[in-house]
Amino acid sequence: MDPACLTLGLFLPRLAMLYFWLNQGLPPVPMPDSVELILAVAVPRVLILIMIYHSMGICGWFFVHLLAALAVYGGSAYKAARD
């Protein structure tokens, strides 16, 4: 995967998937296209984690994206519980 796309995926995951799809095509993921589409719309960070795992394995980028996903989802859950 392209490092520019991986960096963009930290901040704007849907835009990163669109960029990657237009330039190089998304890496193959071992799941049906309908599930891939639902993940891309509903929880794109999870789909990016799956793509990183299947194309590069568990590496530094995987952990960086995992921490970003936990921060985003944990922060939004904390804010929802506080309000």
N, C-alpha and C. Protein backbone atom coordinates (compact mmCIF):
# COMPACT_ATOMS: atom_id res chain seq x y z
N MET A 1 0.84 -1.18 0.00
CA MET A 1 0.00 0.00 0.00
C MET A 1 0.88 1.24 0.00
N ASP A 2 0.38 2.29 -0.57
CA ASP A 2 1.09 3.54 -0.72
C ASP A 2 1.18 4.28 0.63
N PRO A 3 2.38 4.73 1.06
CA PRO A 3 2.49 5.46 2.33
C PRO A 3 1.66 6.74 2.38
N ALA A 4 1.49 7.42 1.25
CA ALA A 4 0.67 8.63 1.24
C ALA A 4 -0.79 8.28 1.53
N CYS A 5 -1.25 7.18 0.97
CA CYS A 5 -2.63 6.75 1.21
C CYS A 5 -2.79 6.29 2.66
N LEU A 6 -1.79 5.63 3.21
CA LEU A 6 -1.87 5.19 4.60
C LEU A 6 -1.89 6.38 5.55
N THR A 7 -1.12 7.40 5.25
CA THR A 7 -1.12 8.60 6.08
C THR A 7 -2.45 9.32 5.98
N LEU A 8 -2.97 9.46 4.77
CA LEU A 8 -4.27 10.09 4.57
C LEU A 8 -5.37 9.30 5.27
N GLY A 9 -5.23 7.99 5.30
CA GLY A 9 -6.21 7.13 5.94
C GLY A 9 -6.31 7.32 7.44
N LEU A 10 -5.28 7.86 8.06
CA LEU A 10 -5.35 8.14 9.49
C LEU A 10 -6.36 9.24 9.79
N PHE A 11 -6.45 10.22 8.91
CA PHE A 11 -7.28 11.39 9.17
C PHE A 11 -8.60 11.38 8.39
N LEU A 12 -8.57 10.92 7.17
CA LEU A 12 -9.76 10.90 6.31
C LEU A 12 -9.87 9.53 5.62
N PRO A 13 -10.35 8.51 6.34
CA PRO A 13 -10.31 7.15 5.78
C PRO A 13 -11.13 6.96 4.51
N ARG A 14 -12.31 7.57 4.42
CA ARG A 14 -13.11 7.40 3.21
C ARG A 14 -12.44 8.05 2.01
N LEU A 15 -11.87 9.22 2.20
CA LEU A 15 -11.16 9.90 1.12
C LEU A 15 -9.92 9.10 0.70
N ALA A 16 -9.24 8.49 1.65
CA ALA A 16 -8.07 7.68 1.34
C ALA A 16 -8.45 6.45 0.50
N MET A 17 -9.58 5.82 0.85
CA MET A 17 -10.01 4.66 0.06
C MET A 17 -10.40 5.08 -1.35
N LEU A 18 -11.05 6.23 -1.49
CA LEU A 18 -11.41 6.74 -2.82
C LEU A 18 -10.15 7.05 -3.63
N TYR A 19 -9.18 7.70 -3.01
CA TYR A 19 -7.91 8.02 -3.68
C TYR A 19 -7.21 6.74 -4.14
N PHE A 20 -7.12 5.76 -3.26
CA PHE A 20 -6.44 4.52 -3.58
C PHE A 20 -7.18 3.76 -4.67
N TRP A 21 -8.51 3.76 -4.61
CA TRP A 21 -9.31 3.06 -5.62
C TRP A 21 -9.15 3.71 -6.99
N LEU A 22 -9.12 5.04 -7.05
CA LEU A 22 -8.97 5.73 -8.32
C LEU A 22 -7.57 5.57 -8.92
N ASN A 23 -6.55 5.52 -8.09
CA ASN A 23 -5.17 5.46 -8.59
C ASN A 23 -4.66 4.05 -8.82
N GLN A 24 -4.88 3.16 -7.88
CA GLN A 24 -4.25 1.84 -7.97
C GLN A 24 -5.22 0.69 -7.82
N GLY A 25 -6.38 0.94 -7.35
CA GLY A 25 -7.31 -0.13 -7.03
C GLY A 25 -7.10 -0.59 -5.61
N LEU A 26 -8.18 -0.93 -4.94
CA LEU A 26 -8.07 -1.39 -3.56
C LEU A 26 -7.44 -2.77 -3.52
N PRO A 27 -6.65 -3.05 -2.49
CA PRO A 27 -6.07 -4.39 -2.38
C PRO A 27 -7.17 -5.42 -2.14
N PRO A 28 -6.97 -6.64 -2.60
CA PRO A 28 -8.00 -7.67 -2.43
C PRO A 28 -8.21 -8.00 -0.95
N VAL A 29 -9.47 -8.17 -0.59
CA VAL A 29 -9.84 -8.51 0.78
C VAL A 29 -10.67 -9.79 0.71
N PRO A 30 -10.38 -10.78 1.56
CA PRO A 30 -11.09 -12.06 1.48
C PRO A 30 -12.49 -12.00 2.09
N MET A 31 -13.36 -11.19 1.50
CA MET A 31 -14.75 -11.10 1.95
C MET A 31 -15.60 -10.70 0.76
N PRO A 32 -16.89 -10.95 0.83
CA PRO A 32 -17.77 -10.58 -0.30
C PRO A 32 -17.78 -9.07 -0.53
N ASP A 33 -18.03 -8.68 -1.77
CA ASP A 33 -18.05 -7.26 -2.11
C ASP A 33 -19.11 -6.49 -1.34
N SER A 34 -20.24 -7.14 -1.06
CA SER A 34 -21.30 -6.45 -0.32
C SER A 34 -20.85 -6.11 1.10
N VAL A 35 -20.14 -7.02 1.75
CA VAL A 35 -19.62 -6.75 3.10
C VAL A 35 -18.56 -5.66 3.03
N GLU A 36 -17.73 -5.69 2.02
CA GLU A 36 -16.70 -4.67 1.85
C GLU A 36 -17.34 -3.28 1.66
N LEU A 37 -18.41 -3.21 0.89
CA LEU A 37 -19.11 -1.95 0.68
C LEU A 37 -19.74 -1.44 1.97
N ILE A 38 -20.36 -2.33 2.73
CA ILE A 38 -20.98 -1.93 4.00
C ILE A 38 -19.92 -1.42 4.97
N LEU A 39 -18.79 -2.10 5.05
CA LEU A 39 -17.71 -1.64 5.92
C LEU A 39 -17.15 -0.30 5.46
N ALA A 40 -17.04 -0.10 4.16
CA ALA A 40 -16.51 1.15 3.63
C ALA A 40 -17.41 2.33 3.98
N VAL A 41 -18.70 2.09 4.01
CA VAL A 41 -19.64 3.17 4.33
C VAL A 41 -19.80 3.33 5.84
N ALA A 42 -19.94 2.24 6.57
CA ALA A 42 -20.26 2.31 8.00
C ALA A 42 -19.02 2.53 8.88
N VAL A 43 -18.01 1.71 8.73
CA VAL A 43 -16.80 1.81 9.57
C VAL A 43 -15.56 1.67 8.70
N PRO A 44 -15.19 2.73 7.99
CA PRO A 44 -14.07 2.62 7.06
C PRO A 44 -12.72 2.32 7.75
N ARG A 45 -12.56 2.72 8.99
CA ARG A 45 -11.30 2.44 9.68
C ARG A 45 -11.08 0.95 9.88
N VAL A 46 -12.16 0.22 10.11
CA VAL A 46 -12.06 -1.24 10.24
C VAL A 46 -11.66 -1.86 8.91
N LEU A 47 -12.24 -1.39 7.82
CA LEU A 47 -11.88 -1.91 6.50
C LEU A 47 -10.42 -1.60 6.18
N ILE A 48 -9.95 -0.43 6.53
CA ILE A 48 -8.54 -0.09 6.29
C ILE A 48 -7.63 -1.01 7.12
N LEU A 49 -8.02 -1.29 8.36
CA LEU A 49 -7.23 -2.22 9.18
C LEU A 49 -7.18 -3.61 8.53
N ILE A 50 -8.30 -4.08 8.01
CA ILE A 50 -8.33 -5.39 7.35
C ILE A 50 -7.44 -5.38 6.12
N MET A 51 -7.50 -4.30 5.34
CA MET A 51 -6.66 -4.21 4.14
C MET A 51 -5.18 -4.18 4.48
N ILE A 52 -4.83 -3.44 5.51
CA ILE A 52 -3.42 -3.38 5.92
C ILE A 52 -2.96 -4.77 6.39
N TYR A 53 -3.80 -5.44 7.17
CA TYR A 53 -3.43 -6.76 7.68
C TYR A 53 -3.22 -7.76 6.54
N HIS A 54 -4.10 -7.73 5.54
CA HIS A 54 -3.99 -8.71 4.46
C HIS A 54 -2.92 -8.36 3.43
N SER A 55 -2.55 -7.09 3.32
CA SER A 55 -1.52 -6.76 2.34
C SER A 55 -0.12 -6.68 2.96
N MET A 56 -0.01 -6.26 4.22
CA MET A 56 1.32 -6.08 4.82
C MET A 56 1.52 -6.86 6.11
N GLY A 57 0.46 -7.45 6.65
CA GLY A 57 0.58 -8.16 7.91
C GLY A 57 0.55 -7.20 9.08
N ILE A 58 0.90 -7.71 10.25
CA ILE A 58 0.95 -6.85 11.44
C ILE A 58 2.28 -6.11 11.41
N CYS A 59 2.17 -4.80 11.20
CA CYS A 59 3.37 -3.97 11.08
C CYS A 59 3.12 -2.65 11.82
N GLY A 60 4.03 -1.74 11.67
CA GLY A 60 3.90 -0.43 12.32
C GLY A 60 2.65 0.31 11.87
N TRP A 61 2.37 0.27 10.56
CA TRP A 61 1.18 0.97 10.05
C TRP A 61 -0.09 0.39 10.66
N PHE A 62 -0.12 -0.92 10.85
CA PHE A 62 -1.29 -1.56 11.44
C PHE A 62 -1.54 -1.02 12.85
N PHE A 63 -0.48 -0.92 13.65
CA PHE A 63 -0.64 -0.44 15.02
C PHE A 63 -1.00 1.04 15.07
N VAL A 64 -0.44 1.83 14.17
CA VAL A 64 -0.78 3.25 14.12
C VAL A 64 -2.25 3.44 13.79
N HIS A 65 -2.74 2.69 12.80
CA HIS A 65 -4.15 2.79 12.43
C HIS A 65 -5.05 2.22 13.52
N LEU A 66 -4.62 1.19 14.20
CA LEU A 66 -5.39 0.63 15.30
C LEU A 66 -5.53 1.64 16.43
N LEU A 67 -4.44 2.31 16.78
CA LEU A 67 -4.49 3.34 17.82
C LEU A 67 -5.39 4.50 17.41
N ALA A 68 -5.32 4.91 16.15
CA ALA A 68 -6.19 5.99 15.66
C ALA A 68 -7.65 5.57 15.73
N ALA A 69 -7.96 4.33 15.35
CA ALA A 69 -9.34 3.85 15.40
C ALA A 69 -9.84 3.81 16.84
N LEU A 70 -9.02 3.31 17.75
CA LEU A 70 -9.42 3.27 19.16
C LEU A 70 -9.63 4.67 19.72
N ALA A 71 -8.77 5.60 19.34
CA ALA A 71 -8.91 6.98 19.81
C ALA A 71 -10.19 7.62 19.28
N VAL A 72 -10.49 7.42 18.01
CA VAL A 72 -11.68 8.02 17.42
C VAL A 72 -12.94 7.40 18.01
N TYR A 73 -13.03 6.07 18.03
CA TYR A 73 -14.24 5.43 18.52
C TYR A 73 -14.37 5.58 20.04
N GLY A 74 -13.26 5.53 20.76
CA GLY A 74 -13.31 5.75 22.21
C GLY A 74 -13.68 7.18 22.56
N GLY A 75 -13.14 8.14 21.83
CA GLY A 75 -13.46 9.53 22.08
C GLY A 75 -14.90 9.87 21.77
N SER A 76 -15.43 9.29 20.71
CA SER A 76 -16.83 9.55 20.38
C SER A 76 -17.76 8.87 21.38
N ALA A 77 -17.40 7.70 21.86
CA ALA A 77 -18.23 7.03 22.88
C ALA A 77 -18.19 7.81 24.19
N TYR A 78 -17.03 8.34 24.53
CA TYR A 78 -16.91 9.14 25.76
C TYR A 78 -17.75 10.41 25.66
N LYS A 79 -17.71 11.05 24.52
CA LYS A 79 -18.48 12.28 24.33
C LYS A 79 -19.98 11.99 24.35
N ALA A 80 -20.40 10.88 23.74
CA ALA A 80 -21.82 10.52 23.73
C ALA A 80 -22.31 10.20 25.14
N ALA A 81 -21.49 9.54 25.93
CA ALA A 81 -21.88 9.19 27.30
C ALA A 81 -21.93 10.44 28.18
N ARG A 82 -21.07 11.40 27.90
CA ARG A 82 -21.01 12.62 28.70
C ARG A 82 -22.19 13.53 28.40
N ASP A 83 -22.67 13.53 27.17
CA ASP A 83 -23.79 14.42 26.80
C ASP A 83 -25.10 13.87 27.22
